[in-house]
Structure formats: structure tokens, C-alpha cells
């Protein structure tokens, strides 16, 4: 288990910023950590990385206790904090070489060139960090998190400040790193989470309110699933209304229908059987569940 959090508590006065949170993340998983502002995401990440001490509970990284052995844990982690603190008067390569030195890398020059290429910093690599746009500063922070080839990546808003093209590039970097690392990242861009993650953890007011695969979360309120079907021929709407699990049928055209159901998998199979039994040709068949945005709003609103 790469990350194992058990009953983490962080309290400020009477406010519980993180309220006995528990979850696990395995190697090779890319997990989205979501929640509204002030929900406890960054606080939890800071406790996992050892930058903030919990009031109670434990956080293990690669089997190491963060509180008992913080230096060993930091060697295992690549961390990009939300604020992304950088030395603005240092040149890009100079700063990354400095970070490589902190990690006591043997071949610092090679490591610097590798992460510069990986994060798309080549064009801006001869500038001072203070001269960079916000998006490129974010890339420098990601490069610093990757330079020592850590087993675990914890990224707090990694695509903040990036334009759409840069977001796609960094998304690909994260997906590539997730093949052999553990990645826990937070983002307010829910489309990014849908594109990268198979699993999502949602925190609200310091409590975990969801921890499941993206697919299961989108099915969690499946009473409003929709199945869209288009036939080559005109079809009697009564045939579709007679299908089990179909709650309502909307006829868009004589051959194009929208079916409301709580069990889209069963309805798709029924439609295929219906087509065979009545010698009909299905041109398109697809179902839509909840978007991650709908799920997020229902759990945190």
C-alpha cells in the first residue's frame, strides 16, 4: 500500500478541518481528491507529506510512518503544493539543480534535463523563474516534484494557471507517471479528473463523503440514467414503452428515442433483443449517467 491514511484529525479550535479521515491508495492508481474550498483537501495532503502534524491518527507512505520518520517519507514523495513556492531570482535549471542537490542525486545534470523535457520546459529553461508565466511556473513546480523519481506523487491543483493546450500536456505527464507511481491529486477542473482518474475521493467539511470508482459514483443516483437509441427504420413507440426497467420514453423522431431508466445495462440488452426479434437495425445506442459535476454538487452542496 503506497498511501494509507487512518483516522487523521486536524482541529483548529472548535473547527475540525479534517475529521478522522481514512483511505488507502495503491501503487499504479491515479486518484482524484476533490472537495469545495475549505473542505480539508490541502490540509490532508500536507499531513500526508509531513508538512503539517496531525492532532491524531496516522499516515503511512510506502509503509513508513510520516510522523515517526518524516525525512524517509519525503524521499518517497514528490509534492506540488497549491501555493507552489519557488525562488523567483533563480534560473530554471539552477533551481532544479538545487532541488536535485537537496535530494542528493548522483547525476543532477541528467535528472534536470530529463524533467525539463518531460514537463515541456525546454523553451523557457534559460529564463529566471520570476520571468515565467503562471503556467510555466507551475511546470517548474511539477518538475521539482518529479526530479528525484519518487514512488508517490501528491499534486495539489497541478493544472492551475495552465491554458487548454498546457493542461492536455500535463495531463499526459500525470497519466504516464501513474503507470508505475501512486498519484493523489486535487483539482477544481472536474473534466481533468474524469479524463485522468478511475477512482475519486470526495471530502466535504472535513469528512470523506465518497470513495469509489468514477463509474460507480456516476451510477450512484442512477434513477435519472438516459439511454439514447436510433433505428434505421420507423419504430412504434409502444414497443419501447413495453420494455422492463424503462420509466419514460421520449420520441425525438419516428426512429430516434430517449429512454429514461434506473438500469441502463439491462435496457441496452433489451433493445438489442428487440431489434433482433423485430428485424430492426440499430444505428446508434448509448447511455448517459451523472456527470462528475452532478455527483460532486449532490454530495457537497
C-alpha atoms as a PDB file:
ATOM      1  CA  UNK A   1       0.000   0.000   0.000  1.00  0.00           C
ATOM      2  CA  UNK A   2       1.614   3.267  -1.123  1.00  0.00           C
ATOM      3  CA  UNK A   3      -0.612   5.621   0.907  1.00  0.00           C
ATOM      4  CA  UNK A   4      -2.558   4.535   3.958  1.00  0.00           C
ATOM      5  CA  UNK A   5      -4.402   7.161   5.979  1.00  0.00           C
ATOM      6  CA  UNK A   6      -6.160   6.145   9.182  1.00  0.00           C
ATOM      7  CA  UNK A   7      -8.385   8.380  11.303  1.00  0.00           C
ATOM      8  CA  UNK A   8      -6.437  11.577  10.569  1.00  0.00           C
ATOM      9  CA  UNK A   9      -7.644  14.503  12.633  1.00  0.00           C
ATOM     10  CA  UNK A  10      -6.658  18.162  12.400  1.00  0.00           C
ATOM     11  CA  UNK A  11      -8.502  20.640  14.542  1.00  0.00           C
ATOM     12  CA  UNK A  12      -8.283  24.428  14.827  1.00  0.00           C
ATOM     13  CA  UNK A  13     -10.079  25.480  17.975  1.00  0.00           C
ATOM     14  CA  UNK A  14     -13.558  24.004  17.732  1.00  0.00           C
ATOM     15  CA  UNK A  15     -13.358  23.554  13.951  1.00  0.00           C
ATOM     16  CA  UNK A  16     -12.364  20.119  12.673  1.00  0.00           C
ATOM     17  CA  UNK A  17     -10.571  20.865   9.404  1.00  0.00           C
ATOM     18  CA  UNK A  18     -10.036  17.134   8.854  1.00  0.00           C
ATOM     19  CA  UNK A  19     -12.300  14.831  10.845  1.00  0.00           C
ATOM     20  CA  UNK A  20     -10.901  11.304  11.345  1.00  0.00           C
ATOM     21  CA  UNK A  21     -10.299  10.716   7.633  1.00  0.00           C
ATOM     22  CA  UNK A  22      -9.300   7.245   6.391  1.00  0.00           C
ATOM     23  CA  UNK A  23      -8.455   5.932   2.906  1.00  0.00           C
ATOM     24  CA  UNK A  24      -5.869   3.870   1.015  1.00  0.00           C
ATOM     25  CA  UNK A  25      -4.215   4.341  -2.384  1.00  0.00           C
ATOM     26  CA  UNK A  26      -2.398   1.514  -4.153  1.00  0.00           C
ATOM     27  CA  UNK A  27       0.618   1.656  -6.425  1.00  0.00           C
ATOM     28  CA  UNK A  28      -0.351   2.404 -10.012  1.00  0.00           C
ATOM     29  CA  UNK A  29      -3.533   4.251  -9.008  1.00  0.00           C
ATOM     30  CA  UNK A  30      -4.310   7.816 -10.036  1.00  0.00           C
ATOM     31  CA  UNK A  31      -6.852   9.070  -7.519  1.00  0.00           C
ATOM     32  CA  UNK A  32      -8.655  12.387  -7.704  1.00  0.00           C
ATOM     33  CA  UNK A  33      -9.075  14.110  -4.333  1.00  0.00           C
ATOM     34  CA  UNK A  34     -11.993  16.513  -4.606  1.00  0.00           C
ATOM     35  CA  UNK A  35     -13.901  18.907  -2.405  1.00  0.00           C
ATOM     36  CA  UNK A  36     -15.090  22.513  -2.241  1.00  0.00           C
ATOM     37  CA  UNK A  37     -12.828  25.258  -0.934  1.00  0.00           C
ATOM     38  CA  UNK A  38     -12.146  24.767   2.769  1.00  0.00           C
ATOM     39  CA  UNK A  39     -13.188  21.107   2.728  1.00  0.00           C
ATOM     40  CA  UNK A  40      -9.822  19.831   4.024  1.00  0.00           C
ATOM     41  CA  UNK A  41      -8.084  18.676   0.837  1.00  0.00           C
ATOM     42  CA  UNK A  42      -4.872  20.673   1.188  1.00  0.00           C
ATOM     43  CA  UNK A  43      -4.723  20.068   4.939  1.00  0.00           C
ATOM     44  CA  UNK A  44      -4.944  16.313   4.378  1.00  0.00           C
ATOM     45  CA  UNK A  45      -2.239  16.435   1.704  1.00  0.00           C
ATOM     46  CA  UNK A  46       0.038  18.457   3.978  1.00  0.00           C
ATOM     47  CA  UNK A  47      -0.352  15.859   6.724  1.00  0.00           C
ATOM     48  CA  UNK A  48       0.432  13.002   4.324  1.00  0.00           C
ATOM     49  CA  UNK A  49       3.590  14.758   3.152  1.00  0.00           C
ATOM     50  CA  UNK A  50       4.690  15.610   6.696  1.00  0.00           C
ATOM     51  CA  UNK A  51       4.447  19.388   6.312  1.00  0.00           C
ATOM     52  CA  UNK A  52       1.662  19.523   8.892  1.00  0.00           C
ATOM     53  CA  UNK A  53       1.365  17.377  12.013  1.00  0.00           C
ATOM     54  CA  UNK A  54      -1.981  15.672  12.673  1.00  0.00           C
ATOM     55  CA  UNK A  55      -3.637  16.002  16.076  1.00  0.00           C
ATOM     56  CA  UNK A  56      -4.319  12.276  15.975  1.00  0.00           C
ATOM     57  CA  UNK A  57      -4.399   9.375  13.536  1.00  0.00           C
ATOM     58  CA  UNK A  58      -1.680   8.008  11.271  1.00  0.00           C
ATOM     59  CA  UNK A  59      -0.455   8.447   7.713  1.00  0.00           C
ATOM     60  CA  UNK A  60       1.786   5.810   6.134  1.00  0.00           C
ATOM     61  CA  UNK A  61       3.658   6.284   2.854  1.00  0.00           C
ATOM     62  CA  UNK A  62       5.229   3.126   1.391  1.00  0.00           C
ATOM     63  CA  UNK A  63       4.864   1.578   4.847  1.00  0.00           C
ATOM     64  CA  UNK A  64       6.684   4.442   6.611  1.00  0.00           C
ATOM     65  CA  UNK A  65       5.004   6.481   9.329  1.00  0.00           C
ATOM     66  CA  UNK A  66       5.018  10.154   8.362  1.00  0.00           C
ATOM     67  CA  UNK A  67       5.245  11.351  11.966  1.00  0.00           C
ATOM     68  CA  UNK A  68       7.884   8.845  13.102  1.00  0.00           C
ATOM     69  CA  UNK A  69      10.158   9.047  10.034  1.00  0.00           C
ATOM     70  CA  UNK A  70       9.412  12.291   8.121  1.00  0.00           C
ATOM     71  CA  UNK A  71      12.739  12.516   6.239  1.00  0.00           C
ATOM     72  CA  UNK A  72      12.472   8.977   4.846  1.00  0.00           C
ATOM     73  CA  UNK A  73       8.880   9.695   3.798  1.00  0.00           C
ATOM     74  CA  UNK A  74       9.848  12.899   1.969  1.00  0.00           C
ATOM     75  CA  UNK A  75      12.341  10.900  -0.094  1.00  0.00           C
ATOM     76  CA  UNK A  76       9.443   8.754  -1.306  1.00  0.00           C
ATOM     77  CA  UNK A  77       7.178  11.677  -2.191  1.00  0.00           C
ATOM     78  CA  UNK A  78       7.069  14.232  -4.966  1.00  0.00           C
ATOM     79  CA  UNK A  79       4.900  17.100  -3.728  1.00  0.00           C
ATOM     80  CA  UNK A  80       3.481  20.044  -5.641  1.00  0.00           C
ATOM     81  CA  UNK A  81       1.685  22.266  -3.113  1.00  0.00           C
ATOM     82  CA  UNK A  82      -1.161  24.551  -4.104  1.00  0.00           C
ATOM     83  CA  UNK A  83       0.867  27.716  -3.443  1.00  0.00           C
ATOM     84  CA  UNK A  84       3.887  26.316  -5.386  1.00  0.00           C
ATOM     85  CA  UNK A  85       6.639  28.296  -3.599  1.00  0.00           C
ATOM     86  CA  UNK A  86       9.604  28.989  -5.892  1.00  0.00           C
ATOM     87  CA  UNK A  87      12.846  31.008  -5.764  1.00  0.00           C
ATOM     88  CA  UNK A  88      11.948  33.652  -8.341  1.00  0.00           C
ATOM     89  CA  UNK A  89      15.517  35.007  -8.743  1.00  0.00           C
ATOM     90  CA  UNK A  90      16.928  31.604  -9.703  1.00  0.00           C
ATOM     91  CA  UNK A  91      17.141  30.319 -13.273  1.00  0.00           C
ATOM     92  CA  UNK A  92      15.019  27.286 -14.119  1.00  0.00           C
ATOM     93  CA  UNK A  93      17.942  24.868 -14.458  1.00  0.00           C
ATOM     94  CA  UNK A  94      19.660  26.398 -11.448  1.00  0.00           C
ATOM     95  CA  UNK A  95      16.584  25.883  -9.278  1.00  0.00           C
ATOM     96  CA  UNK A  96      16.015  22.292 -10.424  1.00  0.00           C
ATOM     97  CA  UNK A  97      19.709  21.509  -9.834  1.00  0.00           C
ATOM     98  CA  UNK A  98      19.314  22.944  -6.326  1.00  0.00           C
ATOM     99  CA  UNK A  99      16.314  20.669  -5.676  1.00  0.00           C
ATOM    100  CA  UNK A 100      18.269  17.719  -7.076  1.00  0.00           C
ATOM    101  CA  UNK A 101      21.078  18.534  -4.657  1.00  0.00           C
ATOM    102  CA  UNK A 102      18.656  18.581  -1.726  1.00  0.00           C
ATOM    103  CA  UNK A 103      17.659  15.051  -2.720  1.00  0.00           C
ATOM    104  CA  UNK A 104      21.364  14.098  -3.007  1.00  0.00           C
ATOM    105  CA  UNK A 105      21.036  12.851  -6.587  1.00  0.00           C
ATOM    106  CA  UNK A 106      24.161  11.344  -8.119  1.00  0.00           C
ATOM    107  CA  UNK A 107      23.698  12.699 -11.655  1.00  0.00           C
ATOM    108  CA  UNK A 108      21.952  16.018 -11.130  1.00  0.00           C
ATOM    109  CA  UNK A 109      22.549  17.383 -14.639  1.00  0.00           C
ATOM    110  CA  UNK A 110      20.951  14.358 -16.281  1.00  0.00           C
ATOM    111  CA  UNK A 111      17.979  14.466 -13.896  1.00  0.00           C
ATOM    112  CA  UNK A 112      17.429  18.170 -14.612  1.00  0.00           C
ATOM    113  CA  UNK A 113      17.431  17.681 -18.376  1.00  0.00           C
ATOM    114  CA  UNK A 114      15.058  14.729 -18.056  1.00  0.00           C
ATOM    115  CA  UNK A 115      12.382  16.613 -16.090  1.00  0.00           C
ATOM    116  CA  UNK A 116      12.754  19.737 -18.237  1.00  0.00           C
ATOM    117  CA  UNK A 117      11.941  17.653 -21.293  1.00  0.00           C
ATOM    118  CA  UNK A 118       9.189  15.741 -19.518  1.00  0.00           C
ATOM    119  CA  UNK A 119       7.344  18.864 -18.358  1.00  0.00           C
ATOM    120  CA  UNK A 120       7.813  20.889 -21.559  1.00  0.00           C
ATOM    121  CA  UNK A 121      10.162  23.497 -20.085  1.00  0.00           C
ATOM    122  CA  UNK A 122      12.853  23.449 -22.776  1.00  0.00           C
ATOM    123  CA  UNK A 123      11.778  26.727 -24.432  1.00  0.00           C
ATOM    124  CA  UNK A 124      11.710  28.633 -21.111  1.00  0.00           C
ATOM    125  CA  UNK A 125      14.551  26.809 -19.351  1.00  0.00           C
ATOM    126  CA  UNK A 126      17.122  29.646 -19.728  1.00  0.00           C
ATOM    127  CA  UNK A 127      14.931  32.230 -18.011  1.00  0.00           C
ATOM    128  CA  UNK A 128      14.690  33.229 -14.387  1.00  0.00           C
ATOM    129  CA  UNK A 129      11.643  31.741 -12.694  1.00  0.00           C
ATOM    130  CA  UNK A 130      10.306  35.224 -11.935  1.00  0.00           C
ATOM    131  CA  UNK A 131      10.121  35.912 -15.687  1.00  0.00           C
ATOM    132  CA  UNK A 132       7.864  32.942 -16.371  1.00  0.00           C
ATOM    133  CA  UNK A 133       4.102  32.943 -16.806  1.00  0.00           C
ATOM    134  CA  UNK A 134       1.999  31.307 -14.113  1.00  0.00           C
ATOM    135  CA  UNK A 135       1.574  28.216 -16.280  1.00  0.00           C
ATOM    136  CA  UNK A 136       5.318  27.737 -16.715  1.00  0.00           C
ATOM    137  CA  UNK A 137       5.942  28.357 -13.030  1.00  0.00           C
ATOM    138  CA  UNK A 138       3.505  25.513 -12.410  1.00  0.00           C
ATOM    139  CA  UNK A 139       5.565  23.314 -14.726  1.00  0.00           C
ATOM    140  CA  UNK A 140       8.709  24.174 -12.752  1.00  0.00           C
ATOM    141  CA  UNK A 141       6.949  23.068  -9.576  1.00  0.00           C
ATOM    142  CA  UNK A 142       5.923  19.792 -11.212  1.00  0.00           C
ATOM    143  CA  UNK A 143       9.468  19.248 -12.499  1.00  0.00           C
ATOM    144  CA  UNK A 144      10.803  19.778  -8.966  1.00  0.00           C
ATOM    145  CA  UNK A 145       8.321  17.217  -7.651  1.00  0.00           C
ATOM    146  CA  UNK A 146       9.476  14.664 -10.243  1.00  0.00           C
ATOM    147  CA  UNK A 147      13.230  15.232 -10.244  1.00  0.00           C
ATOM    148  CA  UNK A 148      14.102  12.523  -7.703  1.00  0.00           C
ATOM    149  CA  UNK A 149      11.816   9.937  -9.374  1.00  0.00           C
ATOM    150  CA  UNK A 150       9.578   9.455  -6.310  1.00  0.00           C
ATOM    151  CA  UNK A 151       7.303   6.469  -5.753  1.00  0.00           C
ATOM    152  CA  UNK A 152       4.376   8.687  -4.715  1.00  0.00           C
ATOM    153  CA  UNK A 153       3.168  11.932  -6.304  1.00  0.00           C
ATOM    154  CA  UNK A 154       0.929  14.299  -4.370  1.00  0.00           C
ATOM    155  CA  UNK A 155      -0.227  17.150  -6.560  1.00  0.00           C
ATOM    156  CA  UNK A 156      -2.411  19.970  -5.249  1.00  0.00           C
ATOM    157  CA  UNK A 157      -4.070  21.736  -8.197  1.00  0.00           C
ATOM    158  CA  UNK A 158      -1.322  20.770 -10.707  1.00  0.00           C
ATOM    159  CA  UNK A 159      -3.051  22.341 -13.733  1.00  0.00           C
ATOM    160  CA  UNK A 160      -3.774  25.683 -12.053  1.00  0.00           C
ATOM    161  CA  UNK A 161      -2.923  28.578 -14.376  1.00  0.00           C
ATOM    162  CA  UNK A 162      -2.386  26.448 -17.481  1.00  0.00           C
ATOM    163  CA  UNK A 163      -4.021  27.124 -20.827  1.00  0.00           C
ATOM    164  CA  UNK A 164      -6.037  24.297 -22.500  1.00  0.00           C
ATOM    165  CA  UNK A 165      -3.066  23.026 -24.541  1.00  0.00           C
ATOM    166  CA  UNK A 166      -0.799  23.001 -21.485  1.00  0.00           C
ATOM    167  CA  UNK A 167      -3.471  21.199 -19.461  1.00  0.00           C
ATOM    168  CA  UNK A 168      -3.527  18.378 -22.004  1.00  0.00           C
ATOM    169  CA  UNK A 169       0.273  18.131 -21.933  1.00  0.00           C
ATOM    170  CA  UNK A 170       0.432  17.993 -18.119  1.00  0.00           C
ATOM    171  CA  UNK A 171      -2.499  15.553 -18.090  1.00  0.00           C
ATOM    172  CA  UNK A 172      -0.464  13.217 -20.291  1.00  0.00           C
ATOM    173  CA  UNK A 173       2.548  13.578 -17.977  1.00  0.00           C
ATOM    174  CA  UNK A 174       0.408  12.642 -14.955  1.00  0.00           C
ATOM    175  CA  UNK A 175      -1.114   9.655 -16.747  1.00  0.00           C
ATOM    176  CA  UNK A 176       2.339   8.486 -17.809  1.00  0.00           C
ATOM    177  CA  UNK A 177       3.696   8.819 -14.266  1.00  0.00           C
ATOM    178  CA  UNK A 178       0.669   6.968 -12.918  1.00  0.00           C
ATOM    179  CA  UNK A 179       1.677   3.799 -14.742  1.00  0.00           C
ATOM    180  CA  UNK A 180       4.343   2.989 -12.153  1.00  0.00           C
ATOM    181  CA  UNK A 181       3.752   5.525  -9.370  1.00  0.00           C
ATOM    182  CA  UNK A 182       0.973   6.323  -6.948  1.00  0.00           C
ATOM    183  CA  UNK A 183      -0.689   9.645  -7.761  1.00  0.00           C
ATOM    184  CA  UNK A 184      -3.040  11.567  -5.484  1.00  0.00           C
ATOM    185  CA  UNK A 185      -4.087  14.904  -6.919  1.00  0.00           C
ATOM    186  CA  UNK A 186      -6.698  17.530  -6.296  1.00  0.00           C
ATOM    187  CA  UNK A 187      -8.322  19.716  -8.904  1.00  0.00           C
ATOM    188  CA  UNK A 188     -11.301  22.008  -9.322  1.00  0.00           C
ATOM    189  CA  UNK A 189     -11.349  21.141 -13.034  1.00  0.00           C
ATOM    190  CA  UNK A 190     -13.643  18.134 -12.896  1.00  0.00           C
ATOM    191  CA  UNK A 191     -13.132  17.327 -16.575  1.00  0.00           C
ATOM    192  CA  UNK A 192      -9.464  16.725 -15.738  1.00  0.00           C
ATOM    193  CA  UNK A 193     -10.418  14.239 -13.050  1.00  0.00           C
ATOM    194  CA  UNK A 194     -12.770  12.432 -15.433  1.00  0.00           C
ATOM    195  CA  UNK A 195     -10.009  12.273 -18.061  1.00  0.00           C
ATOM    196  CA  UNK A 196      -7.262  11.006 -15.742  1.00  0.00           C
ATOM    197  CA  UNK A 197      -8.777   9.101 -12.812  1.00  0.00           C
ATOM    198  CA  UNK A 198     -10.527   5.798 -12.381  1.00  0.00           C
ATOM    199  CA  UNK A 199     -11.184   6.496  -8.702  1.00  0.00           C
ATOM    200  CA  UNK A 200     -12.342   9.582  -6.834  1.00  0.00           C
ATOM    201  CA  UNK A 201     -12.329  10.564  -3.156  1.00  0.00           C
ATOM    202  CA  UNK A 202     -14.619  13.466  -2.215  1.00  0.00           C
ATOM    203  CA  UNK A 203     -14.191  15.345   1.067  1.00  0.00           C
ATOM    204  CA  UNK A 204     -16.673  17.855   2.450  1.00  0.00           C
ATOM    205  CA  UNK A 205     -16.387  19.814   5.712  1.00  0.00           C
ATOM    206  CA  UNK A 206     -13.513  17.581   6.811  1.00  0.00           C
ATOM    207  CA  UNK A 207     -15.346  14.293   6.199  1.00  0.00           C
ATOM    208  CA  UNK A 208     -14.994  11.750   3.396  1.00  0.00           C
ATOM    209  CA  UNK A 209     -18.392  11.640   1.670  1.00  0.00           C
ATOM    210  CA  UNK A 210     -17.427   9.391  -1.249  1.00  0.00           C
ATOM    211  CA  UNK A 211     -14.623   6.979  -2.125  1.00  0.00           C
ATOM    212  CA  UNK A 212     -15.322   4.854  -5.176  1.00  0.00           C
ATOM    213  CA  UNK A 213     -14.576   4.314  -8.824  1.00  0.00           C
ATOM    214  CA  UNK A 214     -15.654   7.115 -11.121  1.00  0.00           C
ATOM    215  CA  UNK A 215     -18.002   4.711 -12.899  1.00  0.00           C
ATOM    216  CA  UNK A 216     -19.758   3.684  -9.678  1.00  0.00           C
ATOM    217  CA  UNK A 217     -20.106   7.270  -8.493  1.00  0.00           C
ATOM    218  CA  UNK A 218     -21.748   8.257 -11.747  1.00  0.00           C
ATOM    219  CA  UNK A 219     -24.173   5.381 -11.289  1.00  0.00           C
ATOM    220  CA  UNK A 220     -24.852   6.179  -7.645  1.00  0.00           C
ATOM    221  CA  UNK A 221     -28.016   8.123  -8.438  1.00  0.00           C
ATOM    222  CA  UNK A 222     -29.000   6.094 -11.455  1.00  0.00           C
ATOM    223  CA  UNK A 223     -32.741   6.870 -11.338  1.00  0.00           C
ATOM    224  CA  UNK A 224     -32.053   9.516 -13.969  1.00  0.00           C
ATOM    225  CA  UNK A 225     -29.991   7.491 -16.417  1.00  0.00           C
ATOM    226  CA  UNK A 226     -30.791   8.038 -20.058  1.00  0.00           C
ATOM    227  CA  UNK A 227     -30.386   5.594 -22.938  1.00  0.00           C
ATOM    228  CA  UNK A 228     -30.443   7.078 -26.441  1.00  0.00           C
ATOM    229  CA  UNK A 229     -31.244   4.808 -29.372  1.00  0.00           C
ATOM    230  CA  UNK A 230     -31.615   5.467 -33.056  1.00  0.00           C
ATOM    231  CA  UNK A 231     -33.049   2.949 -35.503  1.00  0.00           C
ATOM    232  CA  UNK A 232     -32.726   2.826 -39.259  1.00  0.00           C
ATOM    233  CA  UNK A 233     -36.467   2.200 -39.546  1.00  0.00           C
ATOM    234  CA  UNK A 234     -39.520   3.866 -38.051  1.00  0.00           C
ATOM    235  CA  UNK A 235     -40.417   2.159 -34.763  1.00  0.00           C
ATOM    236  CA  UNK A 236     -43.683   2.045 -32.844  1.00  0.00           C
ATOM    237  CA  UNK A 237     -43.076   3.813 -29.520  1.00  0.00           C
ATOM    238  CA  UNK A 238     -45.316   1.256 -27.797  1.00  0.00           C
ATOM    239  CA  UNK A 239     -42.625  -1.391 -28.321  1.00  0.00           C
ATOM    240  CA  UNK A 240     -40.155   0.665 -26.315  1.00  0.00           C
ATOM    241  CA  UNK A 241     -42.633   1.580 -23.585  1.00  0.00           C
ATOM    242  CA  UNK A 242     -43.229  -2.141 -23.067  1.00  0.00           C
ATOM    243  CA  UNK A 243     -39.599  -2.805 -22.101  1.00  0.00           C
ATOM    244  CA  UNK A 244     -38.930  -3.619 -18.451  1.00  0.00           C
ATOM    245  CA  UNK A 245     -36.892  -1.035 -16.498  1.00  0.00           C
ATOM    246  CA  UNK A 246     -37.999   1.779 -18.865  1.00  0.00           C
ATOM    247  CA  UNK A 247     -39.708   4.552 -16.901  1.00  0.00           C
ATOM    248  CA  UNK A 248     -40.360   7.003 -19.724  1.00  0.00           C
ATOM    249  CA  UNK A 249     -39.833   7.237 -23.490  1.00  0.00           C
ATOM    250  CA  UNK A 250     -39.243  10.471 -25.375  1.00  0.00           C
ATOM    251  CA  UNK A 251     -39.820  10.236 -29.121  1.00  0.00           C
ATOM    252  CA  UNK A 252     -37.482  12.688 -30.837  1.00  0.00           C
ATOM    253  CA  UNK A 253     -38.279  11.349 -34.316  1.00  0.00           C
ATOM    254  CA  UNK A 254     -40.029   8.213 -35.604  1.00  0.00           C
ATOM    255  CA  UNK A 255     -36.685   6.397 -35.424  1.00  0.00           C
ATOM    256  CA  UNK A 256     -34.899   8.295 -32.633  1.00  0.00           C
ATOM    257  CA  UNK A 257     -35.748   7.861 -28.938  1.00  0.00           C
ATOM    258  CA  UNK A 258     -34.567   8.739 -25.452  1.00  0.00           C
ATOM    259  CA  UNK A 259     -35.375   6.204 -22.725  1.00  0.00           C
ATOM    260  CA  UNK A 260     -35.276   7.063 -19.004  1.00  0.00           C
ATOM    261  CA  UNK A 261     -34.297   4.190 -16.744  1.00  0.00           C
ATOM    262  CA  UNK A 262     -32.629   3.179 -13.494  1.00  0.00           C
ATOM    263  CA  UNK A 263     -30.876   0.217 -15.126  1.00  0.00           C
ATOM    264  CA  UNK A 264     -29.226   1.247 -18.413  1.00  0.00           C
ATOM    265  CA  UNK A 265     -27.283  -2.011 -18.848  1.00  0.00           C
ATOM    266  CA  UNK A 266     -30.488  -4.075 -18.848  1.00  0.00           C
ATOM    267  CA  UNK A 267     -32.250  -1.643 -21.185  1.00  0.00           C
ATOM    268  CA  UNK A 268     -29.408  -1.765 -23.721  1.00  0.00           C
ATOM    269  CA  UNK A 269     -29.609  -5.565 -23.808  1.00  0.00           C
ATOM    270  CA  UNK A 270     -33.404  -5.404 -24.175  1.00  0.00           C
ATOM    271  CA  UNK A 271     -33.060  -3.008 -27.090  1.00  0.00           C
ATOM    272  CA  UNK A 272     -30.649  -5.351 -28.856  1.00  0.00           C
ATOM    273  CA  UNK A 273     -33.037  -8.282 -28.358  1.00  0.00           C
ATOM    274  CA  UNK A 274     -35.952  -6.145 -29.567  1.00  0.00           C
ATOM    275  CA  UNK A 275     -34.057  -5.289 -32.743  1.00  0.00           C
ATOM    276  CA  UNK A 276     -33.334  -8.954 -33.482  1.00  0.00           C
ATOM    277  CA  UNK A 277     -36.915 -10.096 -32.791  1.00  0.00           C
ATOM    278  CA  UNK A 278     -38.460  -7.369 -34.973  1.00  0.00           C
ATOM    279  CA  UNK A 279     -35.827  -7.275 -37.715  1.00  0.00           C
ATOM    280  CA  UNK A 280     -34.788  -3.728 -36.843  1.00  0.00           C
ATOM    281  CA  UNK A 281     -31.399  -2.089 -37.399  1.00  0.00           C
ATOM    282  CA  UNK A 282     -29.880  -0.013 -34.604  1.00  0.00           C
ATOM    283  CA  UNK A 283     -27.712   2.822 -35.922  1.00  0.00           C
ATOM    284  CA  UNK A 284     -26.579   4.165 -32.515  1.00  0.00           C
ATOM    285  CA  UNK A 285     -27.024   3.116 -28.892  1.00  0.00           C
ATOM    286  CA  UNK A 286     -25.532   4.903 -25.901  1.00  0.00           C
ATOM    287  CA  UNK A 287     -26.293   5.667 -22.266  1.00  0.00           C
ATOM    288  CA  UNK A 288     -25.501   8.655 -20.103  1.00  0.00           C
ATOM    289  CA  UNK A 289     -25.252   8.704 -16.321  1.00  0.00           C
ATOM    290  CA  UNK A 290     -24.453  11.505 -13.966  1.00  0.00           C
ATOM    291  CA  UNK A 291     -21.547  13.729 -14.790  1.00  0.00           C
ATOM    292  CA  UNK A 292     -18.908  14.048 -12.088  1.00  0.00           C
ATOM    293  CA  UNK A 293     -20.096  17.628 -11.627  1.00  0.00           C
ATOM    294  CA  UNK A 294     -23.615  16.441 -10.749  1.00  0.00           C
ATOM    295  CA  UNK A 295     -22.241  13.880  -8.297  1.00  0.00           C
ATOM    296  CA  UNK A 296     -19.929  16.473  -6.735  1.00  0.00           C
ATOM    297  CA  UNK A 297     -22.705  19.015  -6.281  1.00  0.00           C
ATOM    298  CA  UNK A 298     -25.118  16.477  -4.801  1.00  0.00           C
ATOM    299  CA  UNK A 299     -22.555  15.400  -2.188  1.00  0.00           C
ATOM    300  CA  UNK A 300     -21.138  18.812  -1.270  1.00  0.00           C
ATOM    301  CA  UNK A 301     -23.865  21.399  -1.935  1.00  0.00           C
END
